Amino acid sequence: MPGLFRLPAMTIGRGHALTDLIAAGGRSFSFEFFPPKDEAGEAQLWDAVRALEPYKPTFVSVTYGAGGSSRGTTVRLTGRIARETSMLPMAHLTCVGHTRRELEEILEEYAAAGVHHVMALRGDPAEGPRADWTPTEGGLDHADQLVELVASRGQFRIGVAAFPERHPSSASLDHDADVLVAKARAGAEFAVTQMFFRASDYFGLVERVRARGVDLPILPGIMPILNLQAIRRQGELIGTDVPADVVARISAHDGDPVSMRAEGIAQAAELCQELLDGGAPGLHFYTLNRSKATREIFEKLHVTP
């Protein structure tokens, strides 16, 4: 399987859009970063960017803090990636804490920085994803409304979030599928899932969306378990279950952090292979601004730069 993912980057106006790439039988892979809080964090981020750039990802995304807390940093980072690397940046944008006019201003900033791909998200309340949602006065209430706003400008390609397991504020898995379909019909080009640990959860989501007549490419989001306690806490927060068999395999190495980490990488690689074998259109890696774990997974998949 060497060279499995060596694909041209997705660009606007030239090369392959993600949907074109998948329609041609190719596979996408991408990386997610978050805005660092200090100079040391930024240096770590750029080390990861440079280490992963040779893999020629379809795109890289940069998250956006709730309430605009990282607005300036996200704009600056995505602009720098656009200018100084061969990678295509996709900036996150959320409804939280912004009026419609402020969202339009942020889109203008992105366009001016040379960023023309946006991950449009409702976003989580400041208290966390399980808190009650209250829209900003003069703002938007749902992600499909944000997708419509972004699409109306005609300058951007749009990605959205998807949830293989029930979103904490959702009534059901079917409701989550309905929400994703609404975002697709509003103008989203593809979706990236929240992290998960069972391939069956991903394929179930795809089946529910296809049953609704929508052929939206859905990229599975991958986060290896390098720290069982940390991933459990995050999973509880966002509604992701860590299956008992996964816990058992990781816990068998308790007291040996090197072996525990290796087991987490092995499990992630197995999940990736199962997803690809089952027809997933690619992989999206939550890097936590580090490159080593992703590169180790690639090694197990026999992927080379």
C-alpha atoms as a PDB file:
ATOM      1  CA  MET A   1       0.000   0.000   0.000  1.00  0.00           C
ATOM      2  CA  PRO A   2       2.939   2.465  -0.333  1.00  0.00           C
ATOM      3  CA  GLY A   3       2.000   5.885  -1.595  1.00  0.00           C
ATOM      4  CA  LEU A   4      -1.667   5.293  -0.878  1.00  0.00           C
ATOM      5  CA  PHE A   5      -2.461   8.958  -0.247  1.00  0.00           C
ATOM      6  CA  ARG A   6      -0.011  10.856  -2.436  1.00  0.00           C
ATOM      7  CA  LEU A   7      -2.542  13.193  -3.989  1.00  0.00           C
ATOM      8  CA  PRO A   8      -2.499  16.775  -5.269  1.00  0.00           C
ATOM      9  CA  ALA A   9      -3.693  19.398  -2.826  1.00  0.00           C
ATOM     10  CA  MET A  10      -7.222  20.754  -3.164  1.00  0.00           C
ATOM     11  CA  THR A  11      -7.152  24.328  -4.463  1.00  0.00           C
ATOM     12  CA  ILE A  12      -9.769  26.865  -5.409  1.00  0.00           C
ATOM     13  CA  GLY A  13      -9.800  27.689  -9.075  1.00  0.00           C
ATOM     14  CA  ARG A  14      -7.168  25.089  -9.994  1.00  0.00           C
ATOM     15  CA  GLY A  15      -6.310  21.464  -9.273  1.00  0.00           C
ATOM     16  CA  HIS A  16      -8.823  19.215  -7.542  1.00  0.00           C
ATOM     17  CA  ALA A  17     -11.664  20.120  -5.267  1.00  0.00           C
ATOM     18  CA  LEU A  18     -12.278  17.489  -2.624  1.00  0.00           C
ATOM     19  CA  THR A  19     -15.437  16.299  -4.357  1.00  0.00           C
ATOM     20  CA  ASP A  20     -13.574  16.080  -7.687  1.00  0.00           C
ATOM     21  CA  LEU A  21     -10.808  14.073  -6.055  1.00  0.00           C
ATOM     22  CA  ILE A  22     -13.236  11.583  -4.537  1.00  0.00           C
ATOM     23  CA  ALA A  23     -15.346  11.372  -7.696  1.00  0.00           C
ATOM     24  CA  ALA A  24     -12.188  10.393  -9.559  1.00  0.00           C
ATOM     25  CA  GLY A  25     -11.600   7.551  -7.106  1.00  0.00           C
ATOM     26  CA  GLY A  26      -8.938   9.279  -5.038  1.00  0.00           C
ATOM     27  CA  ARG A  27      -8.693   9.544  -1.277  1.00  0.00           C
ATOM     28  CA  SER A  28      -8.302  12.656   0.821  1.00  0.00           C
ATOM     29  CA  PHE A  29      -6.310  13.071   3.973  1.00  0.00           C
ATOM     30  CA  SER A  30      -6.027  16.185   6.075  1.00  0.00           C
ATOM     31  CA  PHE A  31      -4.726  17.553   9.363  1.00  0.00           C
ATOM     32  CA  GLU A  32      -6.266  19.783  12.014  1.00  0.00           C
ATOM     33  CA  PHE A  33      -4.359  22.330  14.100  1.00  0.00           C
ATOM     34  CA  PHE A  34      -5.424  24.815  16.758  1.00  0.00           C
ATOM     35  CA  PRO A  35      -4.197  28.380  17.401  1.00  0.00           C
ATOM     36  CA  PRO A  36      -1.351  28.306  19.976  1.00  0.00           C
ATOM     37  CA  LYS A  37      -1.441  30.543  23.037  1.00  0.00           C
ATOM     38  CA  ASP A  38       2.211  31.589  23.144  1.00  0.00           C
ATOM     39  CA  GLU A  39       5.475  31.688  21.173  1.00  0.00           C
ATOM     40  CA  ALA A  40       6.538  28.222  22.314  1.00  0.00           C
ATOM     41  CA  GLY A  41       3.217  26.800  21.205  1.00  0.00           C
ATOM     42  CA  GLU A  42       3.517  28.517  17.854  1.00  0.00           C
ATOM     43  CA  ALA A  43       6.995  27.084  17.331  1.00  0.00           C
ATOM     44  CA  GLN A  44       5.619  23.611  18.103  1.00  0.00           C
ATOM     45  CA  LEU A  45       2.781  24.168  15.644  1.00  0.00           C
ATOM     46  CA  TRP A  46       5.148  25.158  12.843  1.00  0.00           C
ATOM     47  CA  ASP A  47       7.367  22.170  13.552  1.00  0.00           C
ATOM     48  CA  ALA A  48       4.272  19.984  13.012  1.00  0.00           C
ATOM     49  CA  VAL A  49       3.254  21.903   9.880  1.00  0.00           C
ATOM     50  CA  ARG A  50       6.679  21.453   8.313  1.00  0.00           C
ATOM     51  CA  ALA A  51       6.891  17.775   9.289  1.00  0.00           C
ATOM     52  CA  LEU A  52       3.488  16.994   7.749  1.00  0.00           C
ATOM     53  CA  GLU A  53       3.749  19.185   4.641  1.00  0.00           C
ATOM     54  CA  PRO A  54       5.680  16.545   2.627  1.00  0.00           C
ATOM     55  CA  TYR A  55       2.624  14.274   2.812  1.00  0.00           C
ATOM     56  CA  LYS A  56       0.788  16.748   0.544  1.00  0.00           C
ATOM     57  CA  PRO A  57      -2.534  16.827   2.418  1.00  0.00           C
ATOM     58  CA  THR A  58      -5.722  17.752   0.646  1.00  0.00           C
ATOM     59  CA  PHE A  59      -6.138  20.533   3.205  1.00  0.00           C
ATOM     60  CA  VAL A  60      -5.232  21.537   6.739  1.00  0.00           C
ATOM     61  CA  SER A  61      -7.773  23.112   9.073  1.00  0.00           C
ATOM     62  CA  VAL A  62      -7.202  25.619  11.864  1.00  0.00           C
ATOM     63  CA  THR A  63      -9.753  25.733  14.681  1.00  0.00           C
ATOM     64  CA  TYR A  64     -11.518  28.852  15.881  1.00  0.00           C
ATOM     65  CA  GLY A  65     -12.070  29.612  19.557  1.00  0.00           C
ATOM     66  CA  ALA A  66     -15.563  29.982  20.959  1.00  0.00           C
ATOM     67  CA  GLY A  67     -16.779  33.547  21.030  1.00  0.00           C
ATOM     68  CA  GLY A  68     -13.984  34.685  18.735  1.00  0.00           C
ATOM     69  CA  SER A  69     -11.274  34.049  21.332  1.00  0.00           C
ATOM     70  CA  SER A  70      -8.734  33.104  18.654  1.00  0.00           C
ATOM     71  CA  ARG A  71     -10.135  35.097  15.737  1.00  0.00           C
ATOM     72  CA  GLY A  72      -6.989  37.119  15.042  1.00  0.00           C
ATOM     73  CA  THR A  73      -4.655  34.157  15.524  1.00  0.00           C
ATOM     74  CA  THR A  74      -6.727  31.902  13.275  1.00  0.00           C
ATOM     75  CA  VAL A  75      -6.807  34.501  10.496  1.00  0.00           C
ATOM     76  CA  ARG A  76      -3.067  35.098  10.839  1.00  0.00           C
ATOM     77  CA  LEU A  77      -2.170  31.389  10.881  1.00  0.00           C
ATOM     78  CA  THR A  78      -4.351  30.422   7.944  1.00  0.00           C
ATOM     79  CA  GLY A  79      -2.994  33.359   5.970  1.00  0.00           C
ATOM     80  CA  ARG A  80       0.575  32.343   6.749  1.00  0.00           C
ATOM     81  CA  ILE A  81      -0.084  28.744   5.737  1.00  0.00           C
ATOM     82  CA  ALA A  82      -1.549  30.023   2.468  1.00  0.00           C
ATOM     83  CA  ARG A  83       1.500  32.230   1.800  1.00  0.00           C
ATOM     84  CA  GLU A  84       4.403  30.161   3.084  1.00  0.00           C
ATOM     85  CA  THR A  85       3.498  26.520   2.486  1.00  0.00           C
ATOM     86  CA  SER A  86       2.208  24.343  -0.318  1.00  0.00           C
ATOM     87  CA  MET A  87      -0.745  23.308   1.847  1.00  0.00           C
ATOM     88  CA  LEU A  88      -4.286  24.548   1.500  1.00  0.00           C
ATOM     89  CA  PRO A  89      -5.662  26.097   4.718  1.00  0.00           C
ATOM     90  CA  MET A  90      -9.262  25.771   5.830  1.00  0.00           C
ATOM     91  CA  ALA A  91     -10.303  28.185   8.584  1.00  0.00           C
ATOM     92  CA  HIS A  92     -12.934  27.314  11.155  1.00  0.00           C
ATOM     93  CA  LEU A  93     -15.785  29.727  11.796  1.00  0.00           C
ATOM     94  CA  THR A  94     -18.490  29.444  14.464  1.00  0.00           C
ATOM     95  CA  CYS A  95     -21.750  31.208  15.246  1.00  0.00           C
ATOM     96  CA  VAL A  96     -20.832  31.617  18.914  1.00  0.00           C
ATOM     97  CA  GLY A  97     -20.554  35.200  20.112  1.00  0.00           C
ATOM     98  CA  HIS A  98     -20.899  36.854  16.702  1.00  0.00           C
ATOM     99  CA  THR A  99     -23.587  38.851  14.947  1.00  0.00           C
ATOM    100  CA  ARG A 100     -24.278  38.206  11.304  1.00  0.00           C
ATOM    101  CA  ARG A 101     -22.348  41.343  10.388  1.00  0.00           C
ATOM    102  CA  GLU A 102     -19.338  40.245  12.440  1.00  0.00           C
ATOM    103  CA  LEU A 103     -19.364  36.887  10.673  1.00  0.00           C
ATOM    104  CA  GLU A 104     -19.362  38.694   7.339  1.00  0.00           C
ATOM    105  CA  GLU A 105     -16.400  40.787   8.486  1.00  0.00           C
ATOM    106  CA  ILE A 106     -14.468  37.653   9.464  1.00  0.00           C
ATOM    107  CA  LEU A 107     -15.148  36.146   6.048  1.00  0.00           C
ATOM    108  CA  GLU A 108     -13.795  39.333   4.487  1.00  0.00           C
ATOM    109  CA  GLU A 109     -10.648  38.976   6.598  1.00  0.00           C
ATOM    110  CA  TYR A 110     -10.202  35.388   5.468  1.00  0.00           C
ATOM    111  CA  ALA A 111     -10.635  36.291   1.815  1.00  0.00           C
ATOM    112  CA  ALA A 112      -8.157  39.152   2.153  1.00  0.00           C
ATOM    113  CA  ALA A 113      -5.650  36.724   3.695  1.00  0.00           C
ATOM    114  CA  GLY A 114      -6.007  34.361   0.728  1.00  0.00           C
ATOM    115  CA  VAL A 115      -8.093  31.817   2.600  1.00  0.00           C
ATOM    116  CA  HIS A 116     -11.060  30.528   0.584  1.00  0.00           C
ATOM    117  CA  HIS A 117     -12.035  27.366   2.443  1.00  0.00           C
ATOM    118  CA  VAL A 118     -14.145  27.516   5.603  1.00  0.00           C
ATOM    119  CA  MET A 119     -15.273  24.917   8.122  1.00  0.00           C
ATOM    120  CA  ALA A 120     -18.683  26.300   9.110  1.00  0.00           C
ATOM    121  CA  LEU A 121     -19.764  25.256  12.614  1.00  0.00           C
ATOM    122  CA  ARG A 122     -22.457  26.266  15.044  1.00  0.00           C
ATOM    123  CA  GLY A 123     -19.872  25.967  17.802  1.00  0.00           C
ATOM    124  CA  ASP A 124     -20.264  25.154  21.475  1.00  0.00           C
ATOM    125  CA  PRO A 125     -21.440  27.440  24.280  1.00  0.00           C
ATOM    126  CA  ALA A 126     -18.668  28.835  26.446  1.00  0.00           C
ATOM    127  CA  GLU A 127     -19.753  26.384  29.174  1.00  0.00           C
ATOM    128  CA  GLY A 128     -19.134  23.408  26.876  1.00  0.00           C
ATOM    129  CA  PRO A 129     -21.011  21.254  24.333  1.00  0.00           C
ATOM    130  CA  ARG A 130     -23.455  19.905  26.930  1.00  0.00           C
ATOM    131  CA  ALA A 131     -24.619  23.373  28.004  1.00  0.00           C
ATOM    132  CA  ASP A 132     -27.868  24.869  26.712  1.00  0.00           C
ATOM    133  CA  TRP A 133     -27.472  26.724  23.425  1.00  0.00           C
ATOM    134  CA  THR A 134     -28.370  30.420  23.342  1.00  0.00           C
ATOM    135  CA  PRO A 135     -27.840  32.242  20.042  1.00  0.00           C
ATOM    136  CA  THR A 136     -26.097  35.602  19.986  1.00  0.00           C
ATOM    137  CA  GLU A 137     -28.470  38.514  19.511  1.00  0.00           C
ATOM    138  CA  GLY A 138     -28.286  39.490  15.861  1.00  0.00           C
ATOM    139  CA  GLY A 139     -26.452  36.281  15.078  1.00  0.00           C
ATOM    140  CA  LEU A 140     -27.275  32.826  13.726  1.00  0.00           C
ATOM    141  CA  ASP A 141     -28.904  29.884  15.458  1.00  0.00           C
ATOM    142  CA  HIS A 142     -27.803  26.846  13.436  1.00  0.00           C
ATOM    143  CA  ALA A 143     -24.847  25.708  11.343  1.00  0.00           C
ATOM    144  CA  ASP A 144     -26.940  25.436   8.175  1.00  0.00           C
ATOM    145  CA  GLN A 145     -27.640  29.163   8.474  1.00  0.00           C
ATOM    146  CA  LEU A 146     -23.910  29.829   8.646  1.00  0.00           C
ATOM    147  CA  VAL A 147     -23.363  27.581   5.627  1.00  0.00           C
ATOM    148  CA  GLU A 148     -25.960  29.607   3.711  1.00  0.00           C
ATOM    149  CA  LEU A 149     -24.220  32.844   4.697  1.00  0.00           C
ATOM    150  CA  VAL A 150     -20.802  31.612   3.609  1.00  0.00           C
ATOM    151  CA  ALA A 151     -22.156  30.111   0.379  1.00  0.00           C
ATOM    152  CA  SER A 152     -23.968  33.341  -0.520  1.00  0.00           C
ATOM    153  CA  ARG A 153     -20.641  35.125  -0.964  1.00  0.00           C
ATOM    154  CA  GLY A 154     -19.523  32.803  -3.763  1.00  0.00           C
ATOM    155  CA  GLN A 155     -15.887  32.975  -2.582  1.00  0.00           C
ATOM    156  CA  PHE A 156     -15.559  29.892  -0.410  1.00  0.00           C
ATOM    157  CA  ARG A 157     -15.688  26.118  -0.401  1.00  0.00           C
ATOM    158  CA  ILE A 158     -17.388  24.859   2.729  1.00  0.00           C
ATOM    159  CA  GLY A 159     -16.894  21.959   5.122  1.00  0.00           C
ATOM    160  CA  VAL A 160     -19.059  21.097   8.126  1.00  0.00           C
ATOM    161  CA  ALA A 161     -19.018  18.860  11.206  1.00  0.00           C
ATOM    162  CA  ALA A 162     -20.631  15.428  11.477  1.00  0.00           C
ATOM    163  CA  PHE A 163     -21.315  13.178  14.476  1.00  0.00           C
ATOM    164  CA  PRO A 164     -21.070   9.374  14.220  1.00  0.00           C
ATOM    165  CA  GLU A 165     -22.332   9.168  17.798  1.00  0.00           C
ATOM    166  CA  ARG A 166     -25.190  11.311  19.043  1.00  0.00           C
ATOM    167  CA  HIS A 167     -24.329  14.961  19.569  1.00  0.00           C
ATOM    168  CA  PRO A 168     -24.749  15.860  23.272  1.00  0.00           C
ATOM    169  CA  SER A 169     -27.638  18.223  22.483  1.00  0.00           C
ATOM    170  CA  SER A 170     -29.284  16.012  19.859  1.00  0.00           C
ATOM    171  CA  ALA A 171     -32.455  13.971  20.326  1.00  0.00           C
ATOM    172  CA  SER A 172     -31.231  11.023  18.250  1.00  0.00           C
ATOM    173  CA  LEU A 173     -28.850   9.731  15.632  1.00  0.00           C
ATOM    174  CA  ASP A 174     -31.565  10.305  13.032  1.00  0.00           C
ATOM    175  CA  HIS A 175     -31.809  13.931  14.082  1.00  0.00           C
ATOM    176  CA  ASP A 176     -28.040  14.291  13.638  1.00  0.00           C
ATOM    177  CA  ALA A 177     -28.366  12.875  10.125  1.00  0.00           C
ATOM    178  CA  ASP A 178     -31.172  15.333   9.358  1.00  0.00           C
ATOM    179  CA  VAL A 179     -28.988  18.214  10.543  1.00  0.00           C
ATOM    180  CA  LEU A 180     -26.084  17.088   8.362  1.00  0.00           C
ATOM    181  CA  VAL A 181     -28.362  16.752   5.350  1.00  0.00           C
ATOM    182  CA  ALA A 182     -29.656  20.296   5.945  1.00  0.00           C
ATOM    183  CA  LYS A 183     -26.080  21.598   5.947  1.00  0.00           C
ATOM    184  CA  ALA A 184     -25.336  19.763   2.699  1.00  0.00           C
ATOM    185  CA  ARG A 185     -28.414  21.225   1.037  1.00  0.00           C
ATOM    186  CA  ALA A 186     -27.425  24.689   2.274  1.00  0.00           C
ATOM    187  CA  GLY A 187     -24.139  24.467   0.369  1.00  0.00           C
ATOM    188  CA  ALA A 188     -21.625  22.319   2.291  1.00  0.00           C
ATOM    189  CA  GLU A 189     -19.238  20.401   0.066  1.00  0.00           C
ATOM    190  CA  PHE A 190     -18.083  17.803   2.584  1.00  0.00           C
ATOM    191  CA  ALA A 191     -18.138  16.907   6.278  1.00  0.00           C
ATOM    192  CA  VAL A 192     -15.548  15.894   8.869  1.00  0.00           C
ATOM    193  CA  THR A 193     -16.637  13.749  11.795  1.00  0.00           C
ATOM    194  CA  GLN A 194     -15.986  14.162  15.474  1.00  0.00           C
ATOM    195  CA  MET A 195     -13.494  11.593  16.781  1.00  0.00           C
ATOM    196  CA  PHE A 196     -14.810   8.061  17.331  1.00  0.00           C
ATOM    197  CA  PHE A 197     -13.391   4.608  17.999  1.00  0.00           C
ATOM    198  CA  ARG A 198     -15.765   2.175  16.246  1.00  0.00           C
ATOM    199  CA  ALA A 199     -15.844   1.991  12.468  1.00  0.00           C
ATOM    200  CA  SER A 200     -19.470   0.830  12.695  1.00  0.00           C
ATOM    201  CA  ASP A 201     -20.471   4.225  14.131  1.00  0.00           C
ATOM    202  CA  TYR A 202     -18.986   5.988  11.108  1.00  0.00           C
ATOM    203  CA  PHE A 203     -20.546   3.641   8.569  1.00  0.00           C
ATOM    204  CA  GLY A 204     -23.915   3.940  10.331  1.00  0.00           C
ATOM    205  CA  LEU A 205     -23.810   7.716   9.896  1.00  0.00           C
ATOM    206  CA  VAL A 206     -22.940   7.376   6.219  1.00  0.00           C
ATOM    207  CA  GLU A 207     -25.835   4.969   5.700  1.00  0.00           C
ATOM    208  CA  ARG A 208     -28.309   7.331   7.399  1.00  0.00           C
ATOM    209  CA  VAL A 209     -27.207  10.254   5.237  1.00  0.00           C
ATOM    210  CA  ARG A 210     -27.305   8.201   2.035  1.00  0.00           C
ATOM    211  CA  ALA A 211     -30.789   6.972   2.952  1.00  0.00           C
ATOM    212  CA  ARG A 212     -31.863  10.630   2.883  1.00  0.00           C
ATOM    213  CA  GLY A 213     -30.701  11.002  -0.693  1.00  0.00           C
ATOM    214  CA  VAL A 214     -27.503  12.961   0.002  1.00  0.00           C
ATOM    215  CA  ASP A 215     -24.122  11.852  -1.362  1.00  0.00           C
ATOM    216  CA  LEU A 216     -22.019  14.195   0.786  1.00  0.00           C
ATOM    217  CA  PRO A 217     -18.416  13.002   1.267  1.00  0.00           C
ATOM    218  CA  ILE A 218     -17.881  12.367   4.992  1.00  0.00           C
ATOM    219  CA  LEU A 219     -14.283  12.236   6.216  1.00  0.00           C
ATOM    220  CA  PRO A 220     -13.714  10.260   9.432  1.00  0.00           C
ATOM    221  CA  GLY A 221     -11.941  12.216  12.174  1.00  0.00           C
ATOM    222  CA  ILE A 222      -9.086  10.300  13.815  1.00  0.00           C
ATOM    223  CA  MET A 223      -7.508  10.893  17.230  1.00  0.00           C
ATOM    224  CA  PRO A 224      -5.233   8.161  18.617  1.00  0.00           C
ATOM    225  CA  ILE A 225      -5.493   7.339  22.312  1.00  0.00           C
ATOM    226  CA  LEU A 226      -2.163   8.404  23.777  1.00  0.00           C
ATOM    227  CA  ASN A 227      -3.576   9.082  27.251  1.00  0.00           C
ATOM    228  CA  LEU A 228      -6.596   7.028  28.291  1.00  0.00           C
ATOM    229  CA  GLN A 229      -7.753   9.368  31.067  1.00  0.00           C
ATOM    230  CA  ALA A 230      -7.554  12.438  28.851  1.00  0.00           C
ATOM    231  CA  ILE A 231      -9.422  10.832  25.976  1.00  0.00           C
ATOM    232  CA  ARG A 232     -12.126   9.580  28.366  1.00  0.00           C
ATOM    233  CA  ARG A 233     -12.645  13.098  29.727  1.00  0.00           C
ATOM    234  CA  GLN A 234     -12.874  14.555  26.267  1.00  0.00           C
ATOM    235  CA  GLY A 235     -15.160  11.766  25.123  1.00  0.00           C
ATOM    236  CA  GLU A 236     -17.560  12.410  27.992  1.00  0.00           C
ATOM    237  CA  LEU A 237     -17.586  16.100  27.115  1.00  0.00           C
ATOM    238  CA  ILE A 238     -18.376  15.676  23.423  1.00  0.00           C
ATOM    239  CA  GLY A 239     -20.417  12.484  23.583  1.00  0.00           C
ATOM    240  CA  THR A 240     -17.835  10.029  22.254  1.00  0.00           C
ATOM    241  CA  ASP A 241     -17.762   6.559  23.802  1.00  0.00           C
ATOM    242  CA  VAL A 242     -14.479   4.766  24.393  1.00  0.00           C
ATOM    243  CA  PRO A 243     -15.486   1.095  23.890  1.00  0.00           C
ATOM    244  CA  ALA A 244     -14.716  -1.443  26.596  1.00  0.00           C
ATOM    245  CA  ASP A 245     -12.491  -3.540  24.332  1.00  0.00           C
ATOM    246  CA  VAL A 246     -10.431  -0.448  23.467  1.00  0.00           C
ATOM    247  CA  VAL A 247     -10.108   0.423  27.159  1.00  0.00           C
ATOM    248  CA  ALA A 248      -9.025  -3.136  27.931  1.00  0.00           C
ATOM    249  CA  ARG A 249      -6.294  -3.127  25.307  1.00  0.00           C
ATOM    250  CA  ILE A 250      -4.937   0.233  26.460  1.00  0.00           C
ATOM    251  CA  SER A 251      -5.277  -0.574  30.178  1.00  0.00           C
ATOM    252  CA  ALA A 252      -3.272  -3.756  29.728  1.00  0.00           C
ATOM    253  CA  HIS A 253      -0.230  -1.484  29.425  1.00  0.00           C
ATOM    254  CA  ASP A 254      -0.993   0.570  32.528  1.00  0.00           C
ATOM    255  CA  GLY A 255       2.236   1.656  34.203  1.00  0.00           C
ATOM    256  CA  ASP A 256       4.211   1.495  30.956  1.00  0.00           C
ATOM    257  CA  PRO A 257       3.566   4.773  29.099  1.00  0.00           C
ATOM    258  CA  VAL A 258       5.718   3.770  26.122  1.00  0.00           C
ATOM    259  CA  SER A 259       3.790   0.531  25.555  1.00  0.00           C
ATOM    260  CA  MET A 260       0.478   2.277  26.220  1.00  0.00           C
ATOM    261  CA  ARG A 261       1.258   4.896  23.593  1.00  0.00           C
ATOM    262  CA  ALA A 262       2.310   2.230  21.090  1.00  0.00           C
ATOM    263  CA  GLU A 263      -0.977   0.392  21.669  1.00  0.00           C
ATOM    264  CA  GLY A 264      -2.911   3.621  21.052  1.00  0.00           C
ATOM    265  CA  ILE A 265      -1.094   4.150  17.755  1.00  0.00           C
ATOM    266  CA  ALA A 266      -1.707   0.530  16.739  1.00  0.00           C
ATOM    267  CA  GLN A 267      -5.423   0.820  17.484  1.00  0.00           C
ATOM    268  CA  ALA A 268      -5.717   4.058  15.509  1.00  0.00           C
ATOM    269  CA  ALA A 269      -3.967   2.481  12.528  1.00  0.00           C
ATOM    270  CA  GLU A 270      -6.303  -0.533  12.670  1.00  0.00           C
ATOM    271  CA  LEU A 271      -9.311   1.786  12.732  1.00  0.00           C
ATOM    272  CA  CYS A 272      -7.946   3.755   9.775  1.00  0.00           C
ATOM    273  CA  GLN A 273      -7.426   0.597   7.757  1.00  0.00           C
ATOM    274  CA  GLU A 274     -10.921  -0.677   8.544  1.00  0.00           C
ATOM    275  CA  LEU A 275     -12.412   2.645   7.493  1.00  0.00           C
ATOM    276  CA  LEU A 276     -10.485   2.759   4.225  1.00  0.00           C
ATOM    277  CA  ASP A 277     -11.261  -0.871   3.432  1.00  0.00           C
ATOM    278  CA  GLY A 278     -14.940  -0.097   4.048  1.00  0.00           C
ATOM    279  CA  GLY A 279     -14.969   2.769   1.561  1.00  0.00           C
ATOM    280  CA  ALA A 280     -14.247   5.906   3.597  1.00  0.00           C
ATOM    281  CA  PRO A 281     -13.127   8.695   1.222  1.00  0.00           C
ATOM    282  CA  GLY A 282     -10.067   9.499   3.336  1.00  0.00           C
ATOM    283  CA  LEU A 283      -8.918  10.406   6.833  1.00  0.00           C
ATOM    284  CA  HIS A 284      -8.798  13.614   8.882  1.00  0.00           C
ATOM    285  CA  PHE A 285      -6.274  13.667  11.749  1.00  0.00           C
ATOM    286  CA  TYR A 286      -6.688  15.705  14.928  1.00  0.00           C
ATOM    287  CA  THR A 287      -2.992  16.430  15.475  1.00  0.00           C
ATOM    288  CA  LEU A 288      -3.078  18.498  18.689  1.00  0.00           C
ATOM    289  CA  ASN A 289      -0.322  20.542  16.968  1.00  0.00           C
ATOM    290  CA  ARG A 290       2.091  17.614  16.928  1.00  0.00           C
ATOM    291  CA  SER A 291       3.140  15.446  14.013  1.00  0.00           C
ATOM    292  CA  LYS A 292       4.687  12.332  15.556  1.00  0.00           C
ATOM    293  CA  ALA A 293       1.540  10.287  16.215  1.00  0.00           C
ATOM    294  CA  THR A 294       0.131  10.962  12.746  1.00  0.00           C
ATOM    295  CA  ARG A 295       3.431  10.013  11.116  1.00  0.00           C
ATOM    296  CA  GLU A 296       3.554   6.811  13.158  1.00  0.00           C
ATOM    297  CA  ILE A 297       0.049   5.885  11.990  1.00  0.00           C
ATOM    298  CA  PHE A 298       1.116   6.542   8.410  1.00  0.00           C
ATOM    299  CA  GLU A 299       4.067   4.212   8.871  1.00  0.00           C
ATOM    300  CA  LYS A 300       1.733   1.420   9.928  1.00  0.00           C
ATOM    301  CA  LEU A 301      -0.438   2.120   6.878  1.00  0.00           C
ATOM    302  CA  HIS A 302       2.701   2.095   4.685  1.00  0.00           C
ATOM    303  CA  VAL A 303       2.136   5.716   3.672  1.00  0.00           C
ATOM    304  CA  THR A 304       5.225   7.680   2.688  1.00  0.00           C
ATOM    305  CA  PRO A 305       5.737  11.384   1.877  1.00  0.00           C
END
